[in-house]
Every structure is written in structure tokens, then in C-alpha cells.
Amino acid sequence: MSSTTSTRYNFLIIFFVALGSFTYGFNSAISGSVLGLSSFLDYFNLTTSGPGVSKATRLSAAAASSAA
């Protein structure tokens, strides 16, 4: 393998790894931000205290795991 081919190959590998890392981090940031919004909690009638907390926790965990 020549030096030019090897350099191009390394660049492509690094580029796609960085792109995947960026998109995963961006997706996690958006999902985490939305799950904490008060409008999200109000829309689904979720509470942050009292007897409805387990429902809110299950819904948030399901949304976070499906987004990842």
C-alpha cells in the first residue's frame, strides 16, 4: 500500500468515526433536553413528584432508549 493510499484511508476512517461520534452526541443532547422541558411533561400529563412519578420515569426511559 502506498503512502498516499494509506493516508487517504486513515483520513476516511477518522472522518467517519468523528461523524458518528458527533451525530450520537447531538442526538443525546436533543433527547435529554426535550425530556426535561416542562412543556413535554405537561403534554403527557407527567408529574415530577407524587404518585405519578413512576409513570413519568418509565416514559422518559422509554423515549431515551428509543432515541439512542
PDB file of N, CA and C in Angstrom:
ATOM      1  N   MET A   1       0.844  -1.169   0.000  1.00  0.00           N
ATOM      2  CA  MET A   1       0.000   0.000   0.000  1.00  0.00           C
ATOM      3  C   MET A   1       0.892   1.235   0.000  1.00  0.00           C
ATOM      4  N   SER A   2       0.631   2.125  -0.900  1.00  0.00           N
ATOM      5  CA  SER A   2       1.471   3.312  -0.974  1.00  0.00           C
ATOM      6  C   SER A   2       1.106   4.300   0.136  1.00  0.00           C
ATOM      7  N   SER A   3       1.960   5.242   0.349  1.00  0.00           N
ATOM      8  CA  SER A   3       1.765   6.225   1.415  1.00  0.00           C
ATOM      9  C   SER A   3       0.529   7.086   1.172  1.00  0.00           C
ATOM     10  N   THR A   4       0.278   7.444  -0.087  1.00  0.00           N
ATOM     11  CA  THR A   4      -0.884   8.268  -0.411  1.00  0.00           C
ATOM     12  C   THR A   4      -2.183   7.517  -0.144  1.00  0.00           C
ATOM     13  N   THR A   5      -2.240   6.268  -0.536  1.00  0.00           N
ATOM     14  CA  THR A   5      -3.434   5.459  -0.307  1.00  0.00           C
ATOM     15  C   THR A   5      -3.659   5.250   1.178  1.00  0.00           C
ATOM     16  N   SER A   6      -2.612   4.971   1.899  1.00  0.00           N
ATOM     17  CA  SER A   6      -2.715   4.774   3.337  1.00  0.00           C
ATOM     18  C   SER A   6      -3.176   6.044   4.036  1.00  0.00           C
ATOM     19  N   THR A   7      -2.700   7.192   3.621  1.00  0.00           N
ATOM     20  CA  THR A   7      -3.097   8.455   4.222  1.00  0.00           C
ATOM     21  C   THR A   7      -4.563   8.751   3.934  1.00  0.00           C
ATOM     22  N   ARG A   8      -5.003   8.497   2.728  1.00  0.00           N
ATOM     23  CA  ARG A   8      -6.403   8.718   2.360  1.00  0.00           C
ATOM     24  C   ARG A   8      -7.311   7.779   3.153  1.00  0.00           C
ATOM     25  N   TYR A   9      -6.913   6.538   3.290  1.00  0.00           N
ATOM     26  CA  TYR A   9      -7.671   5.555   4.062  1.00  0.00           C
ATOM     27  C   TYR A   9      -7.786   5.991   5.526  1.00  0.00           C
ATOM     28  N   ASN A  10      -6.678   6.411   6.108  1.00  0.00           N
ATOM     29  CA  ASN A  10      -6.698   6.877   7.501  1.00  0.00           C
ATOM     30  C   ASN A  10      -7.607   8.089   7.666  1.00  0.00           C
ATOM     31  N   PHE A  11      -7.544   9.012   6.719  1.00  0.00           N
ATOM     32  CA  PHE A  11      -8.395  10.190   6.786  1.00  0.00           C
ATOM     33  C   PHE A  11      -9.872   9.795   6.738  1.00  0.00           C
ATOM     34  N   LEU A  12     -10.233   8.893   5.849  1.00  0.00           N
ATOM     35  CA  LEU A  12     -11.630   8.473   5.741  1.00  0.00           C
ATOM     36  C   LEU A  12     -12.110   7.777   7.009  1.00  0.00           C
ATOM     37  N   ILE A  13     -11.284   6.936   7.589  1.00  0.00           N
ATOM     38  CA  ILE A  13     -11.651   6.262   8.838  1.00  0.00           C
ATOM     39  C   ILE A  13     -11.868   7.294   9.950  1.00  0.00           C
ATOM     40  N   ILE A  14     -10.954   8.216  10.095  1.00  0.00           N
ATOM     41  CA  ILE A  14     -11.071   9.244  11.128  1.00  0.00           C
ATOM     42  C   ILE A  14     -12.294  10.116  10.882  1.00  0.00           C
ATOM     43  N   PHE A  15     -12.549  10.468   9.642  1.00  0.00           N
ATOM     44  CA  PHE A  15     -13.695  11.302   9.303  1.00  0.00           C
ATOM     45  C   PHE A  15     -15.007  10.625   9.682  1.00  0.00           C
ATOM     46  N   PHE A  16     -15.177   9.365   9.324  1.00  0.00           N
ATOM     47  CA  PHE A  16     -16.437   8.678   9.609  1.00  0.00           C
ATOM     48  C   PHE A  16     -16.606   8.364  11.094  1.00  0.00           C
ATOM     49  N   VAL A  17     -15.531   8.106  11.784  1.00  0.00           N
ATOM     50  CA  VAL A  17     -15.619   7.913  13.237  1.00  0.00           C
ATOM     51  C   VAL A  17     -16.026   9.221  13.912  1.00  0.00           C
ATOM     52  N   ALA A  18     -15.446  10.322  13.493  1.00  0.00           N
ATOM     53  CA  ALA A  18     -15.803  11.620  14.062  1.00  0.00           C
ATOM     54  C   ALA A  18     -17.242  11.996  13.730  1.00  0.00           C
ATOM     55  N   LEU A  19     -17.681  11.713  12.523  1.00  0.00           N
ATOM     56  CA  LEU A  19     -19.056  11.998  12.128  1.00  0.00           C
ATOM     57  C   LEU A  19     -20.043  11.186  12.965  1.00  0.00           C
ATOM     58  N   GLY A  20     -19.758   9.922  13.173  1.00  0.00           N
ATOM     59  CA  GLY A  20     -20.621   9.079  14.005  1.00  0.00           C
ATOM     60  C   GLY A  20     -20.649   9.563  15.441  1.00  0.00           C
ATOM     61  N   SER A  21     -19.521   9.958  15.959  1.00  0.00           N
ATOM     62  CA  SER A  21     -19.452  10.466  17.321  1.00  0.00           C
ATOM     63  C   SER A  21     -20.245  11.758  17.461  1.00  0.00           C
ATOM     64  N   PHE A  22     -20.145  12.628  16.493  1.00  0.00           N
ATOM     65  CA  PHE A  22     -20.881  13.890  16.526  1.00  0.00           C
ATOM     66  C   PHE A  22     -22.383  13.644  16.475  1.00  0.00           C
ATOM     67  N   THR A  23     -22.838  12.790  15.578  1.00  0.00           N
ATOM     68  CA  THR A  23     -24.274  12.565  15.448  1.00  0.00           C
ATOM     69  C   THR A  23     -24.841  11.874  16.682  1.00  0.00           C
ATOM     70  N   TYR A  24     -24.106  10.966  17.291  1.00  0.00           N
ATOM     71  CA  TYR A  24     -24.575  10.322  18.518  1.00  0.00           C
ATOM     72  C   TYR A  24     -24.667  11.339  19.653  1.00  0.00           C
ATOM     73  N   GLY A  25     -23.677  12.183  19.802  1.00  0.00           N
ATOM     74  CA  GLY A  25     -23.692  13.193  20.850  1.00  0.00           C
ATOM     75  C   GLY A  25     -24.788  14.219  20.640  1.00  0.00           C
ATOM     76  N   PHE A  26     -25.013  14.614  19.397  1.00  0.00           N
ATOM     77  CA  PHE A  26     -26.073  15.573  19.091  1.00  0.00           C
ATOM     78  C   PHE A  26     -27.435  14.983  19.426  1.00  0.00           C
ATOM     79  N   ASN A  27     -27.649  13.732  19.050  1.00  0.00           N
ATOM     80  CA  ASN A  27     -28.911  13.050  19.334  1.00  0.00           C
ATOM     81  C   ASN A  27     -29.143  12.946  20.837  1.00  0.00           C
ATOM     82  N   SER A  28     -28.132  12.609  21.589  1.00  0.00           N
ATOM     83  CA  SER A  28     -28.258  12.500  23.044  1.00  0.00           C
ATOM     84  C   SER A  28     -28.569  13.847  23.674  1.00  0.00           C
ATOM     85  N   ALA A  29     -27.955  14.897  23.180  1.00  0.00           N
ATOM     86  CA  ALA A  29     -28.199  16.234  23.734  1.00  0.00           C
ATOM     87  C   ALA A  29     -29.630  16.689  23.482  1.00  0.00           C
ATOM     88  N   ILE A  30     -30.135  16.456  22.289  1.00  0.00           N
ATOM     89  CA  ILE A  30     -31.506  16.862  21.966  1.00  0.00           C
ATOM     90  C   ILE A  30     -32.503  16.046  22.781  1.00  0.00           C
ATOM     91  N   SER A  31     -32.316  14.735  22.866  1.00  0.00           N
ATOM     92  CA  SER A  31     -33.236  13.884  23.623  1.00  0.00           C
ATOM     93  C   SER A  31     -33.252  14.272  25.092  1.00  0.00           C
ATOM     94  N   GLY A  32     -32.097  14.494  25.670  1.00  0.00           N
ATOM     95  CA  GLY A  32     -32.021  14.874  27.074  1.00  0.00           C
ATOM     96  C   GLY A  32     -32.652  16.218  27.349  1.00  0.00           C
ATOM     97  N   SER A  33     -32.488  17.140  26.429  1.00  0.00           N
ATOM     98  CA  SER A  33     -33.080  18.467  26.604  1.00  0.00           C
ATOM     99  C   SER A  33     -34.597  18.432  26.524  1.00  0.00           C
ATOM    100  N   VAL A  34     -35.120  17.674  25.571  1.00  0.00           N
ATOM    101  CA  VAL A  34     -36.571  17.594  25.395  1.00  0.00           C
ATOM    102  C   VAL A  34     -37.228  16.913  26.585  1.00  0.00           C
ATOM    103  N   LEU A  35     -36.619  15.868  27.110  1.00  0.00           N
ATOM    104  CA  LEU A  35     -37.213  15.154  28.235  1.00  0.00           C
ATOM    105  C   LEU A  35     -37.297  16.013  29.486  1.00  0.00           C
ATOM    106  N   GLY A  36     -36.494  17.043  29.595  1.00  0.00           N
ATOM    107  CA  GLY A  36     -36.519  17.911  30.761  1.00  0.00           C
ATOM    108  C   GLY A  36     -37.403  19.139  30.613  1.00  0.00           C
ATOM    109  N   LEU A  37     -37.963  19.363  29.440  1.00  0.00           N
ATOM    110  CA  LEU A  37     -38.794  20.547  29.227  1.00  0.00           C
ATOM    111  C   LEU A  37     -40.125  20.426  29.958  1.00  0.00           C
ATOM    112  N   SER A  38     -40.559  21.516  30.539  1.00  0.00           N
ATOM    113  CA  SER A  38     -41.842  21.491  31.245  1.00  0.00           C
ATOM    114  C   SER A  38     -42.992  21.278  30.268  1.00  0.00           C
ATOM    115  N   SER A  39     -42.886  21.765  29.043  1.00  0.00           N
ATOM    116  CA  SER A  39     -43.952  21.550  28.056  1.00  0.00           C
ATOM    117  C   SER A  39     -44.091  20.066  27.703  1.00  0.00           C
ATOM    118  N   PHE A  40     -42.982  19.321  27.692  1.00  0.00           N
ATOM    119  CA  PHE A  40     -43.032  17.876  27.450  1.00  0.00           C
ATOM    120  C   PHE A  40     -43.776  17.183  28.579  1.00  0.00           C
ATOM    121  N   LEU A  41     -43.462  17.560  29.812  1.00  0.00           N
ATOM    122  CA  LEU A  41     -44.122  16.966  30.971  1.00  0.00           C
ATOM    123  C   LEU A  41     -45.602  17.325  31.006  1.00  0.00           C
ATOM    124  N   ASP A  42     -45.937  18.565  30.663  1.00  0.00           N
ATOM    125  CA  ASP A  42     -47.339  18.989  30.644  1.00  0.00           C
ATOM    126  C   ASP A  42     -48.132  18.281  29.554  1.00  0.00           C
ATOM    127  N   TYR A  43     -47.552  18.126  28.378  1.00  0.00           N
ATOM    128  CA  TYR A  43     -48.244  17.497  27.253  1.00  0.00           C
ATOM    129  C   TYR A  43     -48.639  16.059  27.572  1.00  0.00           C
ATOM    130  N   PHE A  44     -47.758  15.331  28.249  1.00  0.00           N
ATOM    131  CA  PHE A  44     -48.039  13.934  28.585  1.00  0.00           C
ATOM    132  C   PHE A  44     -48.636  13.776  29.988  1.00  0.00           C
ATOM    133  N   ASN A  45     -49.000  14.886  30.620  1.00  0.00           N
ATOM    134  CA  ASN A  45     -49.587  14.878  31.969  1.00  0.00           C
ATOM    135  C   ASN A  45     -48.710  14.124  32.963  1.00  0.00           C
ATOM    136  N   LEU A  46     -47.427  14.439  32.951  1.00  0.00           N
ATOM    137  CA  LEU A  46     -46.472  13.793  33.844  1.00  0.00           C
ATOM    138  C   LEU A  46     -46.169  14.710  35.019  1.00  0.00           C
ATOM    139  N   THR A  47     -45.936  14.126  36.173  1.00  0.00           N
ATOM    140  CA  THR A  47     -45.583  14.905  37.343  1.00  0.00           C
ATOM    141  C   THR A  47     -44.159  14.576  37.761  1.00  0.00           C
ATOM    142  N   THR A  48     -43.551  15.497  38.481  1.00  0.00           N
ATOM    143  CA  THR A  48     -42.193  15.250  38.966  1.00  0.00           C
ATOM    144  C   THR A  48     -42.189  14.895  40.441  1.00  0.00           C
ATOM    145  N   SER A  49     -43.366  14.856  41.061  1.00  0.00           N
ATOM    146  CA  SER A  49     -43.476  14.435  42.456  1.00  0.00           C
ATOM    147  C   SER A  49     -44.848  13.806  42.668  1.00  0.00           C
ATOM    148  N   GLY A  50     -44.946  12.961  43.652  1.00  0.00           N
ATOM    149  CA  GLY A  50     -46.219  12.328  43.968  1.00  0.00           C
ATOM    150  C   GLY A  50     -46.374  10.961  43.326  1.00  0.00           C
ATOM    151  N   PRO A  51     -47.634  10.475  43.267  1.00  0.00           N
ATOM    152  CA  PRO A  51     -47.867   9.105  42.804  1.00  0.00           C
ATOM    153  C   PRO A  51     -47.613   8.874  41.311  1.00  0.00           C
ATOM    154  N   GLY A  52     -47.580   9.916  40.495  1.00  0.00           N
ATOM    155  CA  GLY A  52     -47.382   9.732  39.060  1.00  0.00           C
ATOM    156  C   GLY A  52     -45.940   9.694  38.611  1.00  0.00           C
ATOM    157  N   VAL A  53     -45.003   9.712  39.544  1.00  0.00           N
ATOM    158  CA  VAL A  53     -43.582   9.781  39.191  1.00  0.00           C
ATOM    159  C   VAL A  53     -43.122   8.529  38.462  1.00  0.00           C
ATOM    160  N   SER A  54     -43.610   7.360  38.845  1.00  0.00           N
ATOM    161  CA  SER A  54     -43.161   6.128  38.189  1.00  0.00           C
ATOM    162  C   SER A  54     -43.579   6.116  36.725  1.00  0.00           C
ATOM    163  N   LYS A  55     -44.751   6.653  36.411  1.00  0.00           N
ATOM    164  CA  LYS A  55     -45.196   6.742  35.012  1.00  0.00           C
ATOM    165  C   LYS A  55     -44.268   7.658  34.227  1.00  0.00           C
ATOM    166  N   ALA A  56     -43.916   8.801  34.817  1.00  0.00           N
ATOM    167  CA  ALA A  56     -43.016   9.744  34.158  1.00  0.00           C
ATOM    168  C   ALA A  56     -41.646   9.131  33.926  1.00  0.00           C
ATOM    169  N   THR A  57     -41.168   8.381  34.893  1.00  0.00           N
ATOM    170  CA  THR A  57     -39.855   7.740  34.769  1.00  0.00           C
ATOM    171  C   THR A  57     -39.864   6.689  33.672  1.00  0.00           C
ATOM    172  N   ARG A  58     -40.904   5.884  33.607  1.00  0.00           N
ATOM    173  CA  ARG A  58     -40.982   4.841  32.563  1.00  0.00           C
ATOM    174  C   ARG A  58     -41.051   5.469  31.170  1.00  0.00           C
ATOM    175  N   LEU A  59     -41.844   6.522  31.016  1.00  0.00           N
ATOM    176  CA  LEU A  59     -41.970   7.168  29.715  1.00  0.00           C
ATOM    177  C   LEU A  59     -40.663   7.822  29.291  1.00  0.00           C
ATOM    178  N   SER A  60     -40.001   8.502  30.222  1.00  0.00           N
ATOM    179  CA  SER A  60     -38.737   9.152  29.901  1.00  0.00           C
ATOM    180  C   SER A  60     -37.672   8.129  29.538  1.00  0.00           C
ATOM    181  N   ALA A  61     -37.620   7.019  30.265  1.00  0.00           N
ATOM    182  CA  ALA A  61     -36.630   5.983  29.963  1.00  0.00           C
ATOM    183  C   ALA A  61     -36.901   5.341  28.613  1.00  0.00           C
ATOM    184  N   ALA A  62     -38.181   5.122  28.291  1.00  0.00           N
ATOM    185  CA  ALA A  62     -38.510   4.526  27.001  1.00  0.00           C
ATOM    186  C   ALA A  62     -38.159   5.479  25.855  1.00  0.00           C
ATOM    187  N   ALA A  63     -38.424   6.756  26.021  1.00  0.00           N
ATOM    188  CA  ALA A  63     -38.104   7.728  24.980  1.00  0.00           C
ATOM    189  C   ALA A  63     -36.599   7.862  24.803  1.00  0.00           C
ATOM    190  N   ALA A  64     -35.869   7.843  25.888  1.00  0.00           N
ATOM    191  CA  ALA A  64     -34.406   7.974  25.801  1.00  0.00           C
ATOM    192  C   ALA A  64     -33.781   6.756  25.162  1.00  0.00           C
ATOM    193  N   SER A  65     -34.279   5.567  25.483  1.00  0.00           N
ATOM    194  CA  SER A  65     -33.686   4.358  24.914  1.00  0.00           C
ATOM    195  C   SER A  65     -34.034   4.199  23.442  1.00  0.00           C
ATOM    196  N   SER A  66     -35.209   4.660  23.030  1.00  0.00           N
ATOM    197  CA  SER A  66     -35.556   4.547  21.614  1.00  0.00           C
ATOM    198  C   SER A  66     -34.813   5.565  20.769  1.00  0.00           C
ATOM    199  N   ALA A  67     -34.428   6.678  21.358  1.00  0.00           N
ATOM    200  CA  ALA A  67     -33.701   7.706  20.623  1.00  0.00           C
ATOM    201  C   ALA A  67     -32.236   7.330  20.430  1.00  0.00           C
ATOM    202  N   ALA A  68     -31.703   6.521  21.308  1.00  0.00           N
ATOM    203  CA  ALA A  68     -30.279   6.164  21.236  1.00  0.00           C
ATOM    204  C   ALA A  68     -29.996   5.098  20.242  1.00  0.00           C
TER     205      ALA A  68
END
